[in-house]
């Protein structure tokens, strides 16, 4: 029978040891860093969720664009077929011994049908462009969420180093990285 167990890294052991001793001594510095790290991890989880969500949405929008583009291509093929039939009917109307009126009427019918098909194809292309544009906008938003997530991960790393080194300037740098992350997350939320 195999049991699941976790082997902590030396880094994790050191942080745990430093935190336990800090609490025993009433070390407010370590406590504040620990609380801030927990808050940053929570923010990071939310940013990660948003980044993944917008990435999926962008992919779905791009897929919809491709579907409409394919439907438009099918319509253009249909349009080409109608054009070929129109051309054949026009040529047949000039061949002696054939019913010219019938083929002239057929050519006119194909011409009218072609116009309907052209409008439908152009409409589908416009829808495809709309989905493409939407995909690009959502992908830009995804990049903002991902940038915010990267900044919060840097802040968490800096907080861990701050806890180990107890350097005030590192703490300020970690807080600055949190600020950058929050700003980027705000820009993503506002679609900027």
C-alpha atoms as a PDB file:
ATOM      1  CA  UNK A   1       0.000   0.000   0.000  1.00  0.00           C
ATOM      2  CA  UNK A   2       1.398   3.363  -1.019  1.00  0.00           C
ATOM      3  CA  UNK A   3       0.832   6.411   1.105  1.00  0.00           C
ATOM      4  CA  UNK A   4       0.864   9.927  -0.273  1.00  0.00           C
ATOM      5  CA  UNK A   5       3.296  12.179   1.507  1.00  0.00           C
ATOM      6  CA  UNK A   6       4.946  15.478   0.839  1.00  0.00           C
ATOM      7  CA  UNK A   7       8.593  16.218   1.389  1.00  0.00           C
ATOM      8  CA  UNK A   8       9.037  19.905   2.164  1.00  0.00           C
ATOM      9  CA  UNK A   9      11.914  21.720   0.521  1.00  0.00           C
ATOM     10  CA  UNK A  10      14.695  23.245   2.643  1.00  0.00           C
ATOM     11  CA  UNK A  11      13.301  26.675   1.678  1.00  0.00           C
ATOM     12  CA  UNK A  12       9.847  25.751   3.014  1.00  0.00           C
ATOM     13  CA  UNK A  13      11.377  24.358   6.222  1.00  0.00           C
ATOM     14  CA  UNK A  14      13.378  27.547   6.738  1.00  0.00           C
ATOM     15  CA  UNK A  15      10.326  29.778   6.216  1.00  0.00           C
ATOM     16  CA  UNK A  16       8.249  27.628   8.553  1.00  0.00           C
ATOM     17  CA  UNK A  17      11.017  27.676  11.166  1.00  0.00           C
ATOM     18  CA  UNK A  18      11.493  31.446  10.849  1.00  0.00           C
ATOM     19  CA  UNK A  19       7.749  32.042  11.064  1.00  0.00           C
ATOM     20  CA  UNK A  20       7.323  29.823  14.139  1.00  0.00           C
ATOM     21  CA  UNK A  21      10.166  31.574  15.941  1.00  0.00           C
ATOM     22  CA  UNK A  22       8.906  34.953  14.858  1.00  0.00           C
ATOM     23  CA  UNK A  23       5.486  34.251  16.358  1.00  0.00           C
ATOM     24  CA  UNK A  24       7.066  32.984  19.546  1.00  0.00           C
ATOM     25  CA  UNK A  25       9.036  36.236  19.868  1.00  0.00           C
ATOM     26  CA  UNK A  26       6.015  38.343  18.944  1.00  0.00           C
ATOM     27  CA  UNK A  27       7.683  39.412  15.678  1.00  0.00           C
ATOM     28  CA  UNK A  28       5.237  41.755  13.967  1.00  0.00           C
ATOM     29  CA  UNK A  29       7.406  42.069  10.855  1.00  0.00           C
ATOM     30  CA  UNK A  30       7.096  38.384   9.983  1.00  0.00           C
ATOM     31  CA  UNK A  31       3.396  38.358  10.824  1.00  0.00           C
ATOM     32  CA  UNK A  32       2.678  41.298   8.543  1.00  0.00           C
ATOM     33  CA  UNK A  33       4.643  39.716   5.703  1.00  0.00           C
ATOM     34  CA  UNK A  34       2.827  36.406   6.229  1.00  0.00           C
ATOM     35  CA  UNK A  35      -0.597  38.076   6.138  1.00  0.00           C
ATOM     36  CA  UNK A  36       0.371  40.135   3.095  1.00  0.00           C
ATOM     37  CA  UNK A  37       1.611  36.983   1.338  1.00  0.00           C
ATOM     38  CA  UNK A  38      -1.718  35.262   2.020  1.00  0.00           C
ATOM     39  CA  UNK A  39      -3.577  38.267   0.609  1.00  0.00           C
ATOM     40  CA  UNK A  40      -1.311  38.292  -2.441  1.00  0.00           C
ATOM     41  CA  UNK A  41      -1.899  34.580  -2.994  1.00  0.00           C
ATOM     42  CA  UNK A  42      -5.662  35.182  -2.880  1.00  0.00           C
ATOM     43  CA  UNK A  43      -5.395  38.027  -5.376  1.00  0.00           C
ATOM     44  CA  UNK A  44      -3.177  35.812  -7.515  1.00  0.00           C
ATOM     45  CA  UNK A  45      -5.791  33.069  -7.554  1.00  0.00           C
ATOM     46  CA  UNK A  46      -8.456  35.514  -8.733  1.00  0.00           C
ATOM     47  CA  UNK A  47      -6.148  36.932 -11.410  1.00  0.00           C
ATOM     48  CA  UNK A  48      -5.279  33.445 -12.593  1.00  0.00           C
ATOM     49  CA  UNK A  49      -8.960  32.541 -12.898  1.00  0.00           C
ATOM     50  CA  UNK A  50      -9.693  35.677 -14.911  1.00  0.00           C
ATOM     51  CA  UNK A  51      -6.678  35.094 -17.183  1.00  0.00           C
ATOM     52  CA  UNK A  52      -7.810  31.541 -17.932  1.00  0.00           C
ATOM     53  CA  UNK A  53     -11.401  32.580 -18.444  1.00  0.00           C
ATOM     54  CA  UNK A  54     -10.578  35.326 -20.930  1.00  0.00           C
ATOM     55  CA  UNK A  55      -8.157  33.077 -22.779  1.00  0.00           C
ATOM     56  CA  UNK A  56     -10.942  30.525 -23.270  1.00  0.00           C
ATOM     57  CA  UNK A  57     -13.371  33.242 -24.340  1.00  0.00           C
ATOM     58  CA  UNK A  58     -10.892  34.589 -26.907  1.00  0.00           C
ATOM     59  CA  UNK A  59     -10.424  31.089 -28.333  1.00  0.00           C
ATOM     60  CA  UNK A  60     -14.192  30.580 -28.596  1.00  0.00           C
ATOM     61  CA  UNK A  61     -14.606  33.940 -30.331  1.00  0.00           C
ATOM     62  CA  UNK A  62     -11.825  33.051 -32.788  1.00  0.00           C
ATOM     63  CA  UNK A  63     -13.565  29.725 -33.427  1.00  0.00           C
ATOM     64  CA  UNK A  64     -16.836  31.540 -34.158  1.00  0.00           C
ATOM     65  CA  UNK A  65     -14.968  33.817 -36.592  1.00  0.00           C
ATOM     66  CA  UNK A  66     -13.607  30.749 -38.388  1.00  0.00           C
ATOM     67  CA  UNK A  67     -17.077  29.201 -38.606  1.00  0.00           C
ATOM     68  CA  UNK A  68     -18.541  32.327 -40.192  1.00  0.00           C
ATOM     69  CA  UNK A  69     -15.540  32.633 -42.517  1.00  0.00           C
ATOM     70  CA  UNK A  70     -16.118  29.048 -43.692  1.00  0.00           C
ATOM     71  CA  UNK A  71     -19.818  29.704 -44.228  1.00  0.00           C
ATOM     72  CA  UNK A  72     -18.934  32.830 -46.214  1.00  0.00           C
ATOM     73  CA  UNK A  73     -16.500  30.813 -48.352  1.00  0.00           C
ATOM     74  CA  UNK A  74     -19.258  28.287 -49.020  1.00  0.00           C
ATOM     75  CA  UNK A  75     -21.549  31.095 -50.124  1.00  0.00           C
ATOM     76  CA  UNK A  76     -18.869  32.515 -52.424  1.00  0.00           C
ATOM     77  CA  UNK A  77     -18.509  29.052 -53.981  1.00  0.00           C
ATOM     78  CA  UNK A  78     -22.266  28.968 -54.466  1.00  0.00           C
ATOM     79  CA  UNK A  79     -22.072  32.452 -55.991  1.00  0.00           C
ATOM     80  CA  UNK A  80     -19.402  31.219 -58.419  1.00  0.00           C
ATOM     81  CA  UNK A  81     -21.593  28.279 -59.398  1.00  0.00           C
ATOM     82  CA  UNK A  82     -24.503  30.644 -60.091  1.00  0.00           C
ATOM     83  CA  UNK A  83     -22.150  32.836 -62.169  1.00  0.00           C
ATOM     84  CA  UNK A  84     -21.052  29.840 -64.223  1.00  0.00           C
ATOM     85  CA  UNK A  85     -24.664  28.832 -64.860  1.00  0.00           C
ATOM     86  CA  UNK A  86     -25.521  32.405 -65.796  1.00  0.00           C
ATOM     87  CA  UNK A  87     -22.630  32.490 -68.264  1.00  0.00           C
ATOM     88  CA  UNK A  88     -23.655  29.153 -69.782  1.00  0.00           C
ATOM     89  CA  UNK A  89     -27.255  30.316 -70.120  1.00  0.00           C
ATOM     90  CA  UNK A  90     -26.123  33.554 -71.790  1.00  0.00           C
ATOM     91  CA  UNK A  91     -23.968  31.592 -74.237  1.00  0.00           C
ATOM     92  CA  UNK A  92     -26.806  29.132 -74.912  1.00  0.00           C
ATOM     93  CA  UNK A  93     -29.176  32.008 -75.733  1.00  0.00           C
ATOM     94  CA  UNK A  94     -26.906  32.896 -78.683  1.00  0.00           C
ATOM     95  CA  UNK A  95     -26.699  29.393 -80.143  1.00  0.00           C
ATOM     96  CA  UNK A  96     -28.947  29.060 -83.185  1.00  0.00           C
ATOM     97  CA  UNK A  97     -31.662  26.472 -82.906  1.00  0.00           C
ATOM     98  CA  UNK A  98     -32.033  26.706 -79.102  1.00  0.00           C
ATOM     99  CA  UNK A  99     -34.825  28.470 -77.268  1.00  0.00           C
ATOM    100  CA  UNK A 100     -33.102  31.853 -76.756  1.00  0.00           C
ATOM    101  CA  UNK A 101     -35.948  33.248 -74.637  1.00  0.00           C
ATOM    102  CA  UNK A 102     -35.723  30.329 -72.218  1.00  0.00           C
ATOM    103  CA  UNK A 103     -31.942  30.721 -71.768  1.00  0.00           C
ATOM    104  CA  UNK A 104     -32.200  34.504 -71.484  1.00  0.00           C
ATOM    105  CA  UNK A 105     -34.777  34.040 -68.690  1.00  0.00           C
ATOM    106  CA  UNK A 106     -32.472  31.479 -67.025  1.00  0.00           C
ATOM    107  CA  UNK A 107     -29.549  33.915 -67.200  1.00  0.00           C
ATOM    108  CA  UNK A 108     -31.679  36.618 -65.539  1.00  0.00           C
ATOM    109  CA  UNK A 109     -32.809  34.197 -62.833  1.00  0.00           C
ATOM    110  CA  UNK A 110     -29.201  33.234 -62.051  1.00  0.00           C
ATOM    111  CA  UNK A 111     -28.225  36.907 -62.006  1.00  0.00           C
ATOM    112  CA  UNK A 112     -30.918  37.660 -59.384  1.00  0.00           C
ATOM    113  CA  UNK A 113     -30.055  34.563 -57.336  1.00  0.00           C
ATOM    114  CA  UNK A 114     -26.393  35.544 -57.439  1.00  0.00           C
ATOM    115  CA  UNK A 115     -27.186  38.907 -55.868  1.00  0.00           C
ATOM    116  CA  UNK A 116     -28.922  37.238 -52.912  1.00  0.00           C
ATOM    117  CA  UNK A 117     -26.002  34.837 -52.454  1.00  0.00           C
ATOM    118  CA  UNK A 118     -23.483  37.727 -52.661  1.00  0.00           C
ATOM    119  CA  UNK A 119     -25.312  39.672 -49.963  1.00  0.00           C
ATOM    120  CA  UNK A 120     -25.426  36.616 -47.717  1.00  0.00           C
ATOM    121  CA  UNK A 121     -21.688  35.943 -48.247  1.00  0.00           C
ATOM    122  CA  UNK A 122     -20.813  39.558 -47.458  1.00  0.00           C
ATOM    123  CA  UNK A 123     -22.977  39.422 -44.332  1.00  0.00           C
ATOM    124  CA  UNK A 124     -21.211  36.270 -43.157  1.00  0.00           C
ATOM    125  CA  UNK A 125     -17.824  37.875 -43.792  1.00  0.00           C
ATOM    126  CA  UNK A 126     -18.902  40.893 -41.720  1.00  0.00           C
ATOM    127  CA  UNK A 127     -19.927  38.583 -38.867  1.00  0.00           C
ATOM    128  CA  UNK A 128     -16.587  36.818 -39.120  1.00  0.00           C
ATOM    129  CA  UNK A 129     -14.757  40.152 -38.839  1.00  0.00           C
ATOM    130  CA  UNK A 130     -16.879  41.073 -35.794  1.00  0.00           C
ATOM    131  CA  UNK A 131     -15.958  37.812 -34.045  1.00  0.00           C
ATOM    132  CA  UNK A 132     -12.294  38.350 -34.961  1.00  0.00           C
ATOM    133  CA  UNK A 133     -12.390  41.855 -33.484  1.00  0.00           C
ATOM    134  CA  UNK A 134     -14.078  40.590 -30.327  1.00  0.00           C
ATOM    135  CA  UNK A 135     -11.479  37.828 -30.023  1.00  0.00           C
ATOM    136  CA  UNK A 136      -8.640  40.347 -30.303  1.00  0.00           C
ATOM    137  CA  UNK A 137     -10.204  42.550 -27.627  1.00  0.00           C
ATOM    138  CA  UNK A 138     -10.677  39.638 -25.229  1.00  0.00           C
ATOM    139  CA  UNK A 139      -7.157  38.401 -25.958  1.00  0.00           C
ATOM    140  CA  UNK A 140      -5.821  41.846 -25.052  1.00  0.00           C
ATOM    141  CA  UNK A 141      -7.781  41.636 -21.792  1.00  0.00           C
ATOM    142  CA  UNK A 142      -6.301  38.171 -21.205  1.00  0.00           C
ATOM    143  CA  UNK A 143      -2.809  39.597 -21.618  1.00  0.00           C
ATOM    144  CA  UNK A 144      -3.575  42.245 -18.988  1.00  0.00           C
ATOM    145  CA  UNK A 145      -4.782  39.575 -16.550  1.00  0.00           C
ATOM    146  CA  UNK A 146      -1.650  37.516 -17.256  1.00  0.00           C
ATOM    147  CA  UNK A 147       0.588  40.558 -16.694  1.00  0.00           C
ATOM    148  CA  UNK A 148      -1.188  41.221 -13.397  1.00  0.00           C
ATOM    149  CA  UNK A 149      -0.701  37.582 -12.415  1.00  0.00           C
ATOM    150  CA  UNK A 150       3.007  37.781 -13.228  1.00  0.00           C
ATOM    151  CA  UNK A 151       3.387  40.920 -11.116  1.00  0.00           C
ATOM    152  CA  UNK A 152       1.641  39.292  -8.126  1.00  0.00           C
ATOM    153  CA  UNK A 153       3.851  36.212  -8.448  1.00  0.00           C
ATOM    154  CA  UNK A 154       6.903  38.479  -8.364  1.00  0.00           C
ATOM    155  CA  UNK A 155       5.454  40.206  -5.293  1.00  0.00           C
ATOM    156  CA  UNK A 156       4.972  36.870  -3.531  1.00  0.00           C
ATOM    157  CA  UNK A 157       8.561  35.876  -4.316  1.00  0.00           C
ATOM    158  CA  UNK A 158       9.825  39.214  -3.032  1.00  0.00           C
ATOM    159  CA  UNK A 159       7.755  38.793   0.141  1.00  0.00           C
ATOM    160  CA  UNK A 160       9.356  35.385   0.757  1.00  0.00           C
ATOM    161  CA  UNK A 161      12.822  36.855   0.273  1.00  0.00           C
ATOM    162  CA  UNK A 162      11.861  39.750   2.540  1.00  0.00           C
ATOM    163  CA  UNK A 163      10.851  37.315   5.257  1.00  0.00           C
ATOM    164  CA  UNK A 164      14.204  35.562   4.993  1.00  0.00           C
ATOM    165  CA  UNK A 165      16.392  38.672   4.735  1.00  0.00           C
ATOM    166  CA  UNK A 166      14.248  41.053   6.778  1.00  0.00           C
ATOM    167  CA  UNK A 167      15.163  43.893   4.393  1.00  0.00           C
ATOM    168  CA  UNK A 168      12.773  46.820   4.486  1.00  0.00           C
ATOM    169  CA  UNK A 169      13.569  47.848   0.901  1.00  0.00           C
ATOM    170  CA  UNK A 170      12.531  44.397  -0.324  1.00  0.00           C
ATOM    171  CA  UNK A 171       9.240  44.752   1.513  1.00  0.00           C
ATOM    172  CA  UNK A 172       8.604  48.080  -0.243  1.00  0.00           C
ATOM    173  CA  UNK A 173       9.543  46.494  -3.568  1.00  0.00           C
ATOM    174  CA  UNK A 174       7.083  43.650  -2.910  1.00  0.00           C
ATOM    175  CA  UNK A 175       4.333  46.163  -2.107  1.00  0.00           C
ATOM    176  CA  UNK A 176       5.171  48.058  -5.295  1.00  0.00           C
ATOM    177  CA  UNK A 177       4.817  44.841  -7.302  1.00  0.00           C
ATOM    178  CA  UNK A 178       1.421  44.297  -5.642  1.00  0.00           C
ATOM    179  CA  UNK A 179       0.438  47.819  -6.665  1.00  0.00           C
ATOM    180  CA  UNK A 180       1.499  47.175 -10.255  1.00  0.00           C
ATOM    181  CA  UNK A 181      -0.508  43.951 -10.220  1.00  0.00           C
ATOM    182  CA  UNK A 182      -3.623  45.679  -8.914  1.00  0.00           C
ATOM    183  CA  UNK A 183      -3.304  48.437 -11.537  1.00  0.00           C
ATOM    184  CA  UNK A 184      -2.908  45.883 -14.340  1.00  0.00           C
ATOM    185  CA  UNK A 185      -5.851  43.890 -12.980  1.00  0.00           C
ATOM    186  CA  UNK A 186      -7.913  47.083 -12.889  1.00  0.00           C
ATOM    187  CA  UNK A 187      -6.999  47.846 -16.496  1.00  0.00           C
ATOM    188  CA  UNK A 188      -8.040  44.314 -17.463  1.00  0.00           C
ATOM    189  CA  UNK A 189     -11.339  44.654 -15.612  1.00  0.00           C
ATOM    190  CA  UNK A 190     -12.004  47.957 -17.386  1.00  0.00           C
ATOM    191  CA  UNK A 191     -11.084  46.425 -20.785  1.00  0.00           C
ATOM    192  CA  UNK A 192      -8.235  48.906 -21.252  1.00  0.00           C
END
